[in-house]
Amino acid sequence: MASRSAAVVTVSDSVSQGLATDSSGPAAVAALEDLGFSVSRTMVVPDGIESVSEALVELADDVSLVVTTGGTGLAPRDLTPEATRSVIDREVQGLSEAMRSETFGRIPFGKLSRGVCGLRGRCLIVNLPGSPKAVVEGLAVIGPVLAHAVDVASEEIGHHGSG
């Protein structure tokens, strides 16, 4: 597993059925590449615990970072956080908290995002909302620490930056 390899999973019933165009997935790919990640895989899956958890398990062995877009809201089928929690070993709450806190006072609906972040083995999984703007803003918030987090999780460097 290359330490700066990434995958993007778009979680959307309408995109998976061909009824809508994926705009959040390409936004995530572009933002990750700007942060120095090599995005080796993208996929679209329907909403739901099983479809999302299967994608995360499949990708976590191959890349050091998986970013999901969509399924983090309050709709009945928005189950990406539940799917993520079902496959991670440990949560990384600070990343989720940072993304949500950045929106407080600016983006009223940002308070409704339920996305989680966590580790499955050495792979970091990050849930982002489904809007392209929210994807870019979320990755901008955690971007300054994302490479370091992935390096530490993959044991490329020590937890305090010592090799």
N, C-alpha and C. Protein backbone atom coordinates (compact mmCIF):
# COMPACT_ATOMS: atom_id res chain seq x y z
N MET A 1 0.85 -1.18 0.00
CA MET A 1 0.00 0.00 0.00
C MET A 1 0.90 1.24 0.00
N ALA A 2 0.76 2.09 -1.02
CA ALA A 2 1.52 3.33 -1.07
C ALA A 2 0.95 4.32 -0.07
N SER A 3 1.83 5.04 0.62
CA SER A 3 1.37 5.85 1.74
C SER A 3 0.47 7.02 1.35
N ARG A 4 0.54 7.49 0.15
CA ARG A 4 -0.32 8.61 -0.23
C ARG A 4 -1.32 8.22 -1.31
N SER A 5 -1.73 6.96 -1.28
CA SER A 5 -2.73 6.48 -2.23
C SER A 5 -4.12 6.69 -1.65
N ALA A 6 -5.06 6.99 -2.52
CA ALA A 6 -6.41 7.28 -2.05
C ALA A 6 -7.45 6.70 -3.00
N ALA A 7 -8.66 6.56 -2.47
CA ALA A 7 -9.81 6.15 -3.25
C ALA A 7 -10.99 7.04 -2.84
N VAL A 8 -11.92 7.22 -3.76
CA VAL A 8 -13.10 8.04 -3.50
C VAL A 8 -14.34 7.20 -3.79
N VAL A 9 -15.26 7.19 -2.82
CA VAL A 9 -16.52 6.47 -2.96
C VAL A 9 -17.65 7.48 -2.92
N THR A 10 -18.40 7.58 -4.01
CA THR A 10 -19.60 8.42 -4.04
C THR A 10 -20.77 7.55 -3.62
N VAL A 11 -21.48 8.00 -2.59
CA VAL A 11 -22.61 7.25 -2.05
C VAL A 11 -23.88 7.98 -2.47
N SER A 12 -24.61 7.39 -3.41
CA SER A 12 -25.80 8.05 -3.94
C SER A 12 -26.68 7.06 -4.69
N ASP A 13 -27.94 6.97 -4.28
CA ASP A 13 -28.88 6.14 -5.03
C ASP A 13 -29.05 6.66 -6.44
N SER A 14 -29.25 7.96 -6.59
CA SER A 14 -29.55 8.51 -7.91
C SER A 14 -28.36 8.42 -8.86
N VAL A 15 -27.15 8.64 -8.37
CA VAL A 15 -25.96 8.51 -9.25
C VAL A 15 -25.75 7.04 -9.60
N SER A 16 -25.90 6.14 -8.63
CA SER A 16 -25.67 4.72 -8.90
C SER A 16 -26.69 4.17 -9.90
N GLN A 17 -27.88 4.78 -9.97
CA GLN A 17 -28.92 4.35 -10.91
C GLN A 17 -28.83 5.07 -12.24
N GLY A 18 -27.86 5.97 -12.39
CA GLY A 18 -27.71 6.71 -13.63
C GLY A 18 -28.70 7.84 -13.81
N LEU A 19 -29.36 8.24 -12.72
CA LEU A 19 -30.36 9.31 -12.79
C LEU A 19 -29.77 10.69 -12.53
N ALA A 20 -28.55 10.74 -12.05
CA ALA A 20 -27.87 12.01 -11.76
C ALA A 20 -26.39 11.85 -12.07
N THR A 21 -25.75 12.97 -12.29
CA THR A 21 -24.31 12.98 -12.58
C THR A 21 -23.55 13.19 -11.28
N ASP A 22 -22.46 12.45 -11.13
CA ASP A 22 -21.62 12.58 -9.94
C ASP A 22 -20.78 13.84 -10.05
N SER A 23 -21.01 14.78 -9.16
CA SER A 23 -20.17 15.99 -9.13
C SER A 23 -19.31 16.03 -7.87
N SER A 24 -19.73 15.36 -6.81
CA SER A 24 -18.94 15.39 -5.57
C SER A 24 -17.71 14.49 -5.64
N GLY A 25 -17.81 13.35 -6.32
CA GLY A 25 -16.67 12.45 -6.46
C GLY A 25 -15.51 13.12 -7.19
N PRO A 26 -15.75 13.70 -8.37
CA PRO A 26 -14.68 14.41 -9.06
C PRO A 26 -14.12 15.59 -8.26
N ALA A 27 -14.97 16.26 -7.48
CA ALA A 27 -14.48 17.35 -6.62
C ALA A 27 -13.52 16.79 -5.57
N ALA A 28 -13.84 15.63 -5.01
CA ALA A 28 -12.96 14.99 -4.02
C ALA A 28 -11.65 14.57 -4.65
N VAL A 29 -11.71 14.00 -5.85
CA VAL A 29 -10.48 13.57 -6.54
C VAL A 29 -9.56 14.77 -6.76
N ALA A 30 -10.12 15.86 -7.28
CA ALA A 30 -9.31 17.06 -7.56
C ALA A 30 -8.70 17.62 -6.28
N ALA A 31 -9.50 17.69 -5.22
CA ALA A 31 -8.99 18.23 -3.94
C ALA A 31 -7.90 17.34 -3.36
N LEU A 32 -8.08 16.04 -3.44
CA LEU A 32 -7.06 15.12 -2.92
C LEU A 32 -5.77 15.20 -3.73
N GLU A 33 -5.89 15.30 -5.03
CA GLU A 33 -4.69 15.44 -5.87
C GLU A 33 -3.95 16.74 -5.54
N ASP A 34 -4.71 17.81 -5.28
CA ASP A 34 -4.10 19.08 -4.88
C ASP A 34 -3.34 18.93 -3.56
N LEU A 35 -3.78 18.01 -2.71
CA LEU A 35 -3.13 17.76 -1.42
C LEU A 35 -1.97 16.76 -1.53
N GLY A 36 -1.70 16.28 -2.74
CA GLY A 36 -0.57 15.39 -2.95
C GLY A 36 -0.90 13.91 -2.91
N PHE A 37 -2.17 13.56 -2.93
CA PHE A 37 -2.57 12.16 -2.94
C PHE A 37 -2.73 11.67 -4.38
N SER A 38 -2.46 10.40 -4.57
CA SER A 38 -2.68 9.76 -5.85
C SER A 38 -3.97 8.94 -5.75
N VAL A 39 -4.99 9.37 -6.46
CA VAL A 39 -6.29 8.69 -6.39
C VAL A 39 -6.29 7.56 -7.40
N SER A 40 -6.24 6.34 -6.89
CA SER A 40 -6.11 5.17 -7.75
C SER A 40 -7.45 4.51 -8.08
N ARG A 41 -8.47 4.79 -7.27
CA ARG A 41 -9.77 4.15 -7.48
C ARG A 41 -10.89 5.12 -7.17
N THR A 42 -11.95 5.04 -7.95
CA THR A 42 -13.19 5.73 -7.64
C THR A 42 -14.32 4.73 -7.86
N MET A 43 -15.36 4.88 -7.08
CA MET A 43 -16.53 4.03 -7.29
C MET A 43 -17.77 4.76 -6.82
N VAL A 44 -18.90 4.33 -7.35
CA VAL A 44 -20.20 4.84 -6.96
C VAL A 44 -21.00 3.67 -6.42
N VAL A 45 -21.59 3.87 -5.24
CA VAL A 45 -22.43 2.83 -4.65
C VAL A 45 -23.74 3.46 -4.19
N PRO A 46 -24.80 2.66 -4.12
CA PRO A 46 -26.06 3.19 -3.60
C PRO A 46 -25.97 3.42 -2.09
N ASP A 47 -26.86 4.26 -1.59
CA ASP A 47 -26.95 4.46 -0.15
C ASP A 47 -27.26 3.13 0.53
N GLY A 48 -26.85 3.04 1.79
CA GLY A 48 -27.15 1.84 2.56
C GLY A 48 -25.92 1.29 3.25
N ILE A 49 -26.14 0.65 4.37
CA ILE A 49 -25.03 0.13 5.17
C ILE A 49 -24.23 -0.93 4.41
N GLU A 50 -24.90 -1.89 3.81
CA GLU A 50 -24.20 -3.00 3.17
C GLU A 50 -23.36 -2.53 1.98
N SER A 51 -23.93 -1.71 1.11
CA SER A 51 -23.20 -1.28 -0.08
C SER A 51 -21.98 -0.45 0.29
N VAL A 52 -22.12 0.43 1.26
CA VAL A 52 -21.00 1.28 1.67
C VAL A 52 -19.95 0.47 2.41
N SER A 53 -20.36 -0.35 3.35
CA SER A 53 -19.38 -1.12 4.12
C SER A 53 -18.59 -2.07 3.22
N GLU A 54 -19.24 -2.68 2.24
CA GLU A 54 -18.53 -3.56 1.30
C GLU A 54 -17.48 -2.79 0.52
N ALA A 55 -17.82 -1.60 0.05
CA ALA A 55 -16.86 -0.78 -0.69
C ALA A 55 -15.67 -0.40 0.19
N LEU A 56 -15.94 -0.01 1.43
CA LEU A 56 -14.87 0.40 2.33
C LEU A 56 -13.93 -0.75 2.63
N VAL A 57 -14.48 -1.93 2.88
CA VAL A 57 -13.65 -3.10 3.17
C VAL A 57 -12.79 -3.43 1.95
N GLU A 58 -13.38 -3.40 0.77
CA GLU A 58 -12.64 -3.70 -0.46
C GLU A 58 -11.48 -2.73 -0.68
N LEU A 59 -11.72 -1.45 -0.46
CA LEU A 59 -10.71 -0.43 -0.76
C LEU A 59 -9.66 -0.28 0.32
N ALA A 60 -10.01 -0.52 1.57
CA ALA A 60 -9.09 -0.25 2.68
C ALA A 60 -7.80 -1.05 2.61
N ASP A 61 -7.81 -2.19 1.98
CA ASP A 61 -6.59 -3.00 1.86
C ASP A 61 -5.65 -2.47 0.78
N ASP A 62 -6.17 -1.65 -0.13
CA ASP A 62 -5.40 -1.22 -1.29
C ASP A 62 -4.87 0.21 -1.23
N VAL A 63 -5.46 1.04 -0.39
CA VAL A 63 -5.07 2.45 -0.33
C VAL A 63 -4.90 2.89 1.12
N SER A 64 -4.26 4.03 1.31
CA SER A 64 -4.05 4.53 2.67
C SER A 64 -5.15 5.51 3.11
N LEU A 65 -5.98 5.96 2.16
CA LEU A 65 -7.06 6.91 2.47
C LEU A 65 -8.26 6.61 1.60
N VAL A 66 -9.43 6.50 2.22
CA VAL A 66 -10.69 6.40 1.49
C VAL A 66 -11.56 7.57 1.91
N VAL A 67 -12.02 8.33 0.94
CA VAL A 67 -12.93 9.44 1.18
C VAL A 67 -14.28 9.07 0.60
N THR A 68 -15.33 9.20 1.42
CA THR A 68 -16.68 8.99 0.92
C THR A 68 -17.36 10.34 0.77
N THR A 69 -18.24 10.43 -0.21
CA THR A 69 -19.06 11.63 -0.36
C THR A 69 -20.51 11.19 -0.37
N GLY A 70 -21.32 11.83 0.44
CA GLY A 70 -22.75 11.53 0.46
C GLY A 70 -23.15 10.59 1.57
N GLY A 71 -24.45 10.64 1.87
CA GLY A 71 -25.01 9.73 2.85
C GLY A 71 -24.77 10.10 4.30
N THR A 72 -24.40 11.38 4.56
CA THR A 72 -24.08 11.78 5.93
C THR A 72 -25.17 12.63 6.58
N GLY A 73 -26.27 12.82 5.88
CA GLY A 73 -27.33 13.70 6.40
C GLY A 73 -28.38 12.95 7.21
N LEU A 74 -29.59 13.47 7.18
CA LEU A 74 -30.66 12.96 8.03
C LEU A 74 -31.72 12.15 7.31
N ALA A 75 -31.60 12.02 5.98
CA ALA A 75 -32.58 11.23 5.23
C ALA A 75 -32.51 9.77 5.69
N PRO A 76 -33.62 9.06 5.59
CA PRO A 76 -33.64 7.67 6.07
C PRO A 76 -32.55 6.78 5.48
N ARG A 77 -32.15 7.01 4.23
CA ARG A 77 -31.12 6.16 3.61
C ARG A 77 -29.72 6.72 3.75
N ASP A 78 -29.56 7.83 4.47
CA ASP A 78 -28.23 8.40 4.73
C ASP A 78 -27.56 7.59 5.85
N LEU A 79 -26.88 6.52 5.47
CA LEU A 79 -26.34 5.57 6.44
C LEU A 79 -24.83 5.40 6.31
N THR A 80 -24.16 6.33 5.64
CA THR A 80 -22.71 6.22 5.48
C THR A 80 -21.98 6.19 6.83
N PRO A 81 -22.35 7.03 7.81
CA PRO A 81 -21.66 6.95 9.11
C PRO A 81 -21.83 5.59 9.79
N GLU A 82 -23.02 5.03 9.70
CA GLU A 82 -23.26 3.73 10.31
C GLU A 82 -22.43 2.64 9.61
N ALA A 83 -22.37 2.71 8.29
CA ALA A 83 -21.57 1.76 7.53
C ALA A 83 -20.10 1.90 7.88
N THR A 84 -19.64 3.13 8.01
CA THR A 84 -18.24 3.37 8.34
C THR A 84 -17.92 2.84 9.73
N ARG A 85 -18.77 3.15 10.69
CA ARG A 85 -18.54 2.64 12.06
C ARG A 85 -18.51 1.12 12.11
N SER A 86 -19.25 0.47 11.21
CA SER A 86 -19.31 -1.00 11.24
C SER A 86 -18.01 -1.63 10.74
N VAL A 87 -17.14 -0.86 10.06
CA VAL A 87 -15.92 -1.46 9.52
C VAL A 87 -14.63 -0.87 10.09
N ILE A 88 -14.71 0.23 10.82
CA ILE A 88 -13.48 0.82 11.36
C ILE A 88 -13.11 0.17 12.69
N ASP A 89 -11.80 0.26 12.99
CA ASP A 89 -11.29 -0.23 14.26
C ASP A 89 -11.30 0.86 15.32
N ARG A 90 -11.01 2.10 14.89
CA ARG A 90 -10.94 3.23 15.81
C ARG A 90 -11.44 4.49 15.12
N GLU A 91 -12.19 5.31 15.84
CA GLU A 91 -12.60 6.60 15.29
C GLU A 91 -11.50 7.63 15.46
N VAL A 92 -11.50 8.61 14.56
CA VAL A 92 -10.60 9.76 14.64
C VAL A 92 -11.51 10.99 14.70
N GLN A 93 -12.06 11.22 15.89
CA GLN A 93 -13.09 12.24 16.06
C GLN A 93 -12.62 13.65 15.73
N GLY A 94 -11.36 13.94 15.97
CA GLY A 94 -10.87 15.30 15.74
C GLY A 94 -11.06 15.78 14.32
N LEU A 95 -10.91 14.88 13.35
CA LEU A 95 -11.10 15.28 11.95
C LEU A 95 -12.56 15.64 11.69
N SER A 96 -13.47 14.80 12.15
CA SER A 96 -14.91 15.08 11.96
C SER A 96 -15.32 16.35 12.68
N GLU A 97 -14.84 16.49 13.91
CA GLU A 97 -15.17 17.68 14.71
C GLU A 97 -14.64 18.94 14.06
N ALA A 98 -13.43 18.88 13.52
CA ALA A 98 -12.85 20.07 12.87
C ALA A 98 -13.67 20.49 11.66
N MET A 99 -14.08 19.52 10.86
CA MET A 99 -14.87 19.87 9.67
C MET A 99 -16.22 20.46 10.05
N ARG A 100 -16.87 19.90 11.06
CA ARG A 100 -18.17 20.44 11.48
C ARG A 100 -18.01 21.81 12.13
N SER A 101 -17.02 21.96 12.99
CA SER A 101 -16.87 23.23 13.72
C SER A 101 -16.54 24.38 12.77
N GLU A 102 -15.86 24.08 11.68
CA GLU A 102 -15.51 25.12 10.71
C GLU A 102 -16.76 25.71 10.07
N THR A 103 -17.83 24.92 9.97
CA THR A 103 -19.04 25.41 9.31
C THR A 103 -19.96 26.17 10.27
N PHE A 104 -19.79 25.98 11.57
CA PHE A 104 -20.69 26.64 12.53
C PHE A 104 -20.63 28.15 12.35
N GLY A 105 -21.80 28.77 12.32
CA GLY A 105 -21.87 30.21 12.17
C GLY A 105 -21.84 30.66 10.72
N ARG A 106 -21.45 29.79 9.80
CA ARG A 106 -21.38 30.15 8.38
C ARG A 106 -22.37 29.38 7.53
N ILE A 107 -22.47 28.08 7.78
CA ILE A 107 -23.30 27.21 6.95
C ILE A 107 -24.29 26.50 7.86
N PRO A 108 -25.52 27.01 7.94
CA PRO A 108 -26.48 26.45 8.89
C PRO A 108 -26.65 24.93 8.79
N PHE A 109 -26.72 24.38 7.58
CA PHE A 109 -26.96 22.95 7.44
C PHE A 109 -25.73 22.11 7.75
N GLY A 110 -24.57 22.72 7.89
CA GLY A 110 -23.37 21.99 8.26
C GLY A 110 -23.50 21.30 9.60
N LYS A 111 -24.34 21.84 10.45
CA LYS A 111 -24.56 21.25 11.77
C LYS A 111 -25.27 19.90 11.67
N LEU A 112 -25.85 19.61 10.52
CA LEU A 112 -26.61 18.38 10.35
C LEU A 112 -25.77 17.23 9.81
N SER A 113 -24.53 17.50 9.45
CA SER A 113 -23.67 16.44 8.92
C SER A 113 -23.28 15.47 10.03
N ARG A 114 -23.41 14.18 9.73
CA ARG A 114 -23.12 13.15 10.73
C ARG A 114 -21.86 12.36 10.38
N GLY A 115 -21.08 12.84 9.43
CA GLY A 115 -19.91 12.10 8.97
C GLY A 115 -18.95 11.75 10.08
N VAL A 116 -18.31 10.60 9.93
CA VAL A 116 -17.29 10.15 10.88
C VAL A 116 -15.99 9.90 10.13
N CYS A 117 -14.92 9.82 10.88
CA CYS A 117 -13.61 9.48 10.35
C CYS A 117 -13.03 8.40 11.25
N GLY A 118 -12.28 7.49 10.66
CA GLY A 118 -11.70 6.43 11.47
C GLY A 118 -10.70 5.61 10.69
N LEU A 119 -10.09 4.68 11.41
CA LEU A 119 -9.07 3.81 10.85
C LEU A 119 -9.59 2.38 10.72
N ARG A 120 -9.36 1.81 9.57
CA ARG A 120 -9.54 0.37 9.37
C ARG A 120 -8.15 -0.15 9.06
N GLY A 121 -7.56 -0.83 10.02
CA GLY A 121 -6.16 -1.22 9.86
C GLY A 121 -5.31 0.03 9.73
N ARG A 122 -4.60 0.14 8.63
CA ARG A 122 -3.74 1.30 8.38
C ARG A 122 -4.36 2.30 7.42
N CYS A 123 -5.61 2.11 7.10
CA CYS A 123 -6.31 2.98 6.15
C CYS A 123 -7.21 3.97 6.91
N LEU A 124 -7.07 5.25 6.59
CA LEU A 124 -7.93 6.29 7.14
C LEU A 124 -9.15 6.44 6.26
N ILE A 125 -10.33 6.44 6.86
CA ILE A 125 -11.59 6.62 6.14
C ILE A 125 -12.21 7.93 6.61
N VAL A 126 -12.60 8.78 5.66
CA VAL A 126 -13.16 10.10 5.94
C VAL A 126 -14.51 10.22 5.24
N ASN A 127 -15.57 10.50 6.00
CA ASN A 127 -16.90 10.75 5.43
C ASN A 127 -17.08 12.23 5.19
N LEU A 128 -17.51 12.58 3.98
CA LEU A 128 -17.83 13.97 3.63
C LEU A 128 -19.26 14.04 3.13
N PRO A 129 -19.89 15.22 3.25
CA PRO A 129 -21.24 15.38 2.68
C PRO A 129 -21.22 15.21 1.17
N GLY A 130 -22.40 15.18 0.58
CA GLY A 130 -22.52 14.92 -0.85
C GLY A 130 -22.43 16.11 -1.77
N SER A 131 -22.37 17.32 -1.25
CA SER A 131 -22.29 18.47 -2.14
C SER A 131 -20.82 18.75 -2.49
N PRO A 132 -20.55 19.08 -3.76
CA PRO A 132 -19.17 19.37 -4.15
C PRO A 132 -18.53 20.48 -3.31
N LYS A 133 -19.31 21.50 -2.98
CA LYS A 133 -18.78 22.60 -2.17
C LYS A 133 -18.38 22.10 -0.78
N ALA A 134 -19.21 21.27 -0.17
CA ALA A 134 -18.91 20.73 1.15
C ALA A 134 -17.69 19.80 1.11
N VAL A 135 -17.53 19.07 0.02
CA VAL A 135 -16.37 18.19 -0.14
C VAL A 135 -15.09 19.02 -0.14
N VAL A 136 -15.08 20.05 -0.98
CA VAL A 136 -13.89 20.91 -1.09
C VAL A 136 -13.61 21.61 0.23
N GLU A 137 -14.65 22.14 0.87
CA GLU A 137 -14.47 22.83 2.15
C GLU A 137 -13.98 21.88 3.24
N GLY A 138 -14.55 20.68 3.30
CA GLY A 138 -14.15 19.71 4.31
C GLY A 138 -12.70 19.29 4.14
N LEU A 139 -12.30 19.02 2.91
CA LEU A 139 -10.91 18.62 2.68
C LEU A 139 -9.95 19.78 2.90
N ALA A 140 -10.41 21.00 2.68
CA ALA A 140 -9.55 22.16 2.97
C ALA A 140 -9.30 22.28 4.47
N VAL A 141 -10.30 21.96 5.28
CA VAL A 141 -10.16 22.05 6.73
C VAL A 141 -9.15 21.02 7.25
N ILE A 142 -9.28 19.78 6.80
CA ILE A 142 -8.40 18.73 7.33
C ILE A 142 -7.15 18.52 6.48
N GLY A 143 -7.10 19.15 5.34
CA GLY A 143 -5.96 18.99 4.43
C GLY A 143 -4.60 19.19 5.06
N PRO A 144 -4.42 20.23 5.90
CA PRO A 144 -3.09 20.45 6.49
C PRO A 144 -2.58 19.30 7.35
N VAL A 145 -3.46 18.44 7.85
CA VAL A 145 -3.01 17.32 8.69
C VAL A 145 -3.25 15.96 8.04
N LEU A 146 -3.87 15.94 6.89
CA LEU A 146 -4.27 14.68 6.28
C LEU A 146 -3.07 13.80 5.90
N ALA A 147 -2.08 14.38 5.25
CA ALA A 147 -0.90 13.60 4.86
C ALA A 147 -0.19 13.05 6.09
N HIS A 148 -0.05 13.87 7.12
CA HIS A 148 0.60 13.42 8.35
C HIS A 148 -0.20 12.28 8.99
N ALA A 149 -1.52 12.42 9.03
CA ALA A 149 -2.36 11.38 9.63
C ALA A 149 -2.18 10.06 8.88
N VAL A 150 -2.18 10.11 7.57
CA VAL A 150 -2.01 8.90 6.77
C VAL A 150 -0.61 8.32 6.98
N ASP A 151 0.40 9.17 7.04
CA ASP A 151 1.77 8.67 7.26
C ASP A 151 1.91 7.98 8.61
N VAL A 152 1.32 8.57 9.64
CA VAL A 152 1.39 7.96 10.97
C VAL A 152 0.62 6.64 10.99
N ALA A 153 -0.59 6.64 10.41
CA ALA A 153 -1.41 5.42 10.40
C ALA A 153 -0.73 4.29 9.64
N SER A 154 0.01 4.63 8.61
CA SER A 154 0.68 3.60 7.81
C SER A 154 2.08 3.30 8.32
N GLU A 155 2.43 3.94 9.43
CA GLU A 155 3.74 3.77 10.09
C GLU A 155 4.90 4.21 9.20
N GLU A 156 4.62 5.17 8.31
CA GLU A 156 5.69 5.75 7.49
C GLU A 156 6.57 6.64 8.36
N ILE A 157 5.97 7.29 9.38
CA ILE A 157 6.72 8.11 10.32
C ILE A 157 6.20 7.84 11.72
N GLY A 158 6.97 8.22 12.72
CA GLY A 158 6.52 8.10 14.09
C GLY A 158 5.38 9.06 14.38
N HIS A 159 4.69 8.86 15.47
CA HIS A 159 3.51 9.68 15.74
C HIS A 159 3.82 11.12 16.05
N HIS A 160 5.07 11.47 16.30
CA HIS A 160 5.43 12.88 16.51
C HIS A 160 6.31 13.40 15.41
N GLY A 161 6.28 12.73 14.27
CA GLY A 161 7.04 13.20 13.12
C GLY A 161 8.47 12.66 13.08
N SER A 162 8.87 11.86 14.05
CA SER A 162 10.21 11.27 14.02
C SER A 162 10.14 9.97 13.24
N GLY A 163 11.15 9.72 12.44
CA GLY A 163 11.11 8.56 11.56
C GLY A 163 11.42 7.28 12.17
